[in-house]
Amino acid sequence: MPARRSTSMTLDAALLDEAKALGVNVSRAAEQGVAAALKAARAEAWKRENAEAIKNYNTWIEENGLPLAEYRVF
């Protein structure tokens, strides 16, 4: 299990009240939300960092066709 660190955050009061009423573990829910946001941010960063290579690859495919296309069965 990864090391955990205590933190403080401000949440919408109605959300917090409903989460408590329904027995939602707010810390775990927040952690899952941060993990999802990080995954999306990493994917977006990867796209930005590799945009030129992707553009170059797509240009090559447009000019030369798919490699091994003659062997495709679909």
C-alpha atoms as a PDB file:
ATOM      1  CA  MET A   1       0.000   0.000   0.000  1.00  0.00           C
ATOM      2  CA  PRO A   2       1.427   3.395  -0.922  1.00  0.00           C
ATOM      3  CA  ALA A   3       2.372   5.853   1.776  1.00  0.00           C
ATOM      4  CA  ARG A   4      -0.464   8.135   2.716  1.00  0.00           C
ATOM      5  CA  ARG A   5      -0.307  11.789   3.689  1.00  0.00           C
ATOM      6  CA  SER A   6      -2.938  13.849   5.439  1.00  0.00           C
ATOM      7  CA  THR A   7      -4.220  16.914   3.639  1.00  0.00           C
ATOM      8  CA  SER A   8      -6.894  19.529   4.016  1.00  0.00           C
ATOM      9  CA  MET A   9      -9.410  20.446   1.339  1.00  0.00           C
ATOM     10  CA  THR A  10     -12.590  22.413   0.965  1.00  0.00           C
ATOM     11  CA  LEU A  11     -15.647  20.675  -0.464  1.00  0.00           C
ATOM     12  CA  ASP A  12     -19.162  21.728  -1.339  1.00  0.00           C
ATOM     13  CA  ALA A  13     -21.156  21.373   1.896  1.00  0.00           C
ATOM     14  CA  ALA A  14     -24.122  19.646   0.238  1.00  0.00           C
ATOM     15  CA  LEU A  15     -21.841  17.079  -1.412  1.00  0.00           C
ATOM     16  CA  LEU A  16     -20.061  16.375   1.847  1.00  0.00           C
ATOM     17  CA  ASP A  17     -23.347  16.008   3.758  1.00  0.00           C
ATOM     18  CA  GLU A  18     -24.754  13.600   1.170  1.00  0.00           C
ATOM     19  CA  ALA A  19     -21.535  11.574   1.058  1.00  0.00           C
ATOM     20  CA  LYS A  20     -21.592  11.187   4.831  1.00  0.00           C
ATOM     21  CA  ALA A  21     -25.299  10.253   4.802  1.00  0.00           C
ATOM     22  CA  LEU A  22     -24.654   7.558   2.192  1.00  0.00           C
ATOM     23  CA  GLY A  23     -21.529   6.244   3.894  1.00  0.00           C
ATOM     24  CA  VAL A  24     -19.155   7.279   1.132  1.00  0.00           C
ATOM     25  CA  ASN A  25     -15.508   7.304   2.211  1.00  0.00           C
ATOM     26  CA  VAL A  26     -14.714  10.882   1.209  1.00  0.00           C
ATOM     27  CA  SER A  27     -10.949  10.422   1.431  1.00  0.00           C
ATOM     28  CA  ARG A  28     -11.013   7.408  -0.897  1.00  0.00           C
ATOM     29  CA  ALA A  29     -13.439   9.111  -3.271  1.00  0.00           C
ATOM     30  CA  ALA A  30     -11.220  12.190  -3.413  1.00  0.00           C
ATOM     31  CA  GLU A  31      -8.165  10.015  -3.981  1.00  0.00           C
ATOM     32  CA  GLN A  32      -9.896   8.222  -6.858  1.00  0.00           C
ATOM     33  CA  GLY A  33     -10.924  11.554  -8.344  1.00  0.00           C
ATOM     34  CA  VAL A  34      -7.380  12.917  -8.143  1.00  0.00           C
ATOM     35  CA  ALA A  35      -6.045   9.692  -9.689  1.00  0.00           C
ATOM     36  CA  ALA A  36      -8.519  10.025 -12.585  1.00  0.00           C
ATOM     37  CA  ALA A  37      -7.591  13.685 -13.086  1.00  0.00           C
ATOM     38  CA  LEU A  38      -3.890  12.777 -13.123  1.00  0.00           C
ATOM     39  CA  LYS A  39      -4.472  10.023 -15.669  1.00  0.00           C
ATOM     40  CA  ALA A  40      -6.280  12.477 -17.955  1.00  0.00           C
ATOM     41  CA  ALA A  41      -3.593  15.150 -17.475  1.00  0.00           C
ATOM     42  CA  ARG A  42      -0.810  12.653 -18.252  1.00  0.00           C
ATOM     43  CA  ALA A  43      -2.618  11.506 -21.411  1.00  0.00           C
ATOM     44  CA  GLU A  44      -3.074  15.103 -22.534  1.00  0.00           C
ATOM     45  CA  ALA A  45       0.599  15.883 -21.825  1.00  0.00           C
ATOM     46  CA  TRP A  46       1.651  12.791 -23.791  1.00  0.00           C
ATOM     47  CA  LYS A  47      -0.456  13.922 -26.765  1.00  0.00           C
ATOM     48  CA  ARG A  48       1.112  17.396 -26.682  1.00  0.00           C
ATOM     49  CA  GLU A  49       4.646  16.018 -26.337  1.00  0.00           C
ATOM     50  CA  ASN A  50       4.163  13.557 -29.203  1.00  0.00           C
ATOM     51  CA  ALA A  51       1.982  15.644 -31.515  1.00  0.00           C
ATOM     52  CA  GLU A  52       4.763  16.264 -34.017  1.00  0.00           C
ATOM     53  CA  ALA A  53       5.753  12.597 -34.225  1.00  0.00           C
ATOM     54  CA  ILE A  54       2.109  11.578 -34.667  1.00  0.00           C
ATOM     55  CA  LYS A  55       1.667  14.203 -37.384  1.00  0.00           C
ATOM     56  CA  ASN A  56       4.806  12.987 -39.164  1.00  0.00           C
ATOM     57  CA  TYR A  57       3.683   9.355 -38.943  1.00  0.00           C
ATOM     58  CA  ASN A  58       0.224  10.186 -40.309  1.00  0.00           C
ATOM     59  CA  THR A  59       1.808  12.135 -43.179  1.00  0.00           C
ATOM     60  CA  TRP A  60       4.047   9.170 -43.977  1.00  0.00           C
ATOM     61  CA  ILE A  61       1.052   6.821 -43.988  1.00  0.00           C
ATOM     62  CA  GLU A  62      -0.862   9.170 -46.318  1.00  0.00           C
ATOM     63  CA  GLU A  63       2.085   9.287 -48.710  1.00  0.00           C
ATOM     64  CA  ASN A  64       3.155   5.632 -48.528  1.00  0.00           C
ATOM     65  CA  GLY A  65       0.162   3.668 -47.315  1.00  0.00           C
ATOM     66  CA  LEU A  66       0.038   1.285 -44.406  1.00  0.00           C
ATOM     67  CA  PRO A  67       3.055  -0.951 -43.946  1.00  0.00           C
ATOM     68  CA  LEU A  68       2.174  -4.577 -44.742  1.00  0.00           C
ATOM     69  CA  ALA A  69      -1.212  -3.482 -46.120  1.00  0.00           C
ATOM     70  CA  GLU A  70      -0.977  -6.150 -48.797  1.00  0.00           C
ATOM     71  CA  TYR A  71      -1.195  -8.811 -46.072  1.00  0.00           C
ATOM     72  CA  ARG A  72      -4.360  -7.445 -44.425  1.00  0.00           C
ATOM     73  CA  VAL A  73      -7.346  -9.778 -44.589  1.00  0.00           C
ATOM     74  CA  PHE A  74      -9.988  -7.194 -43.655  1.00  0.00           C
END
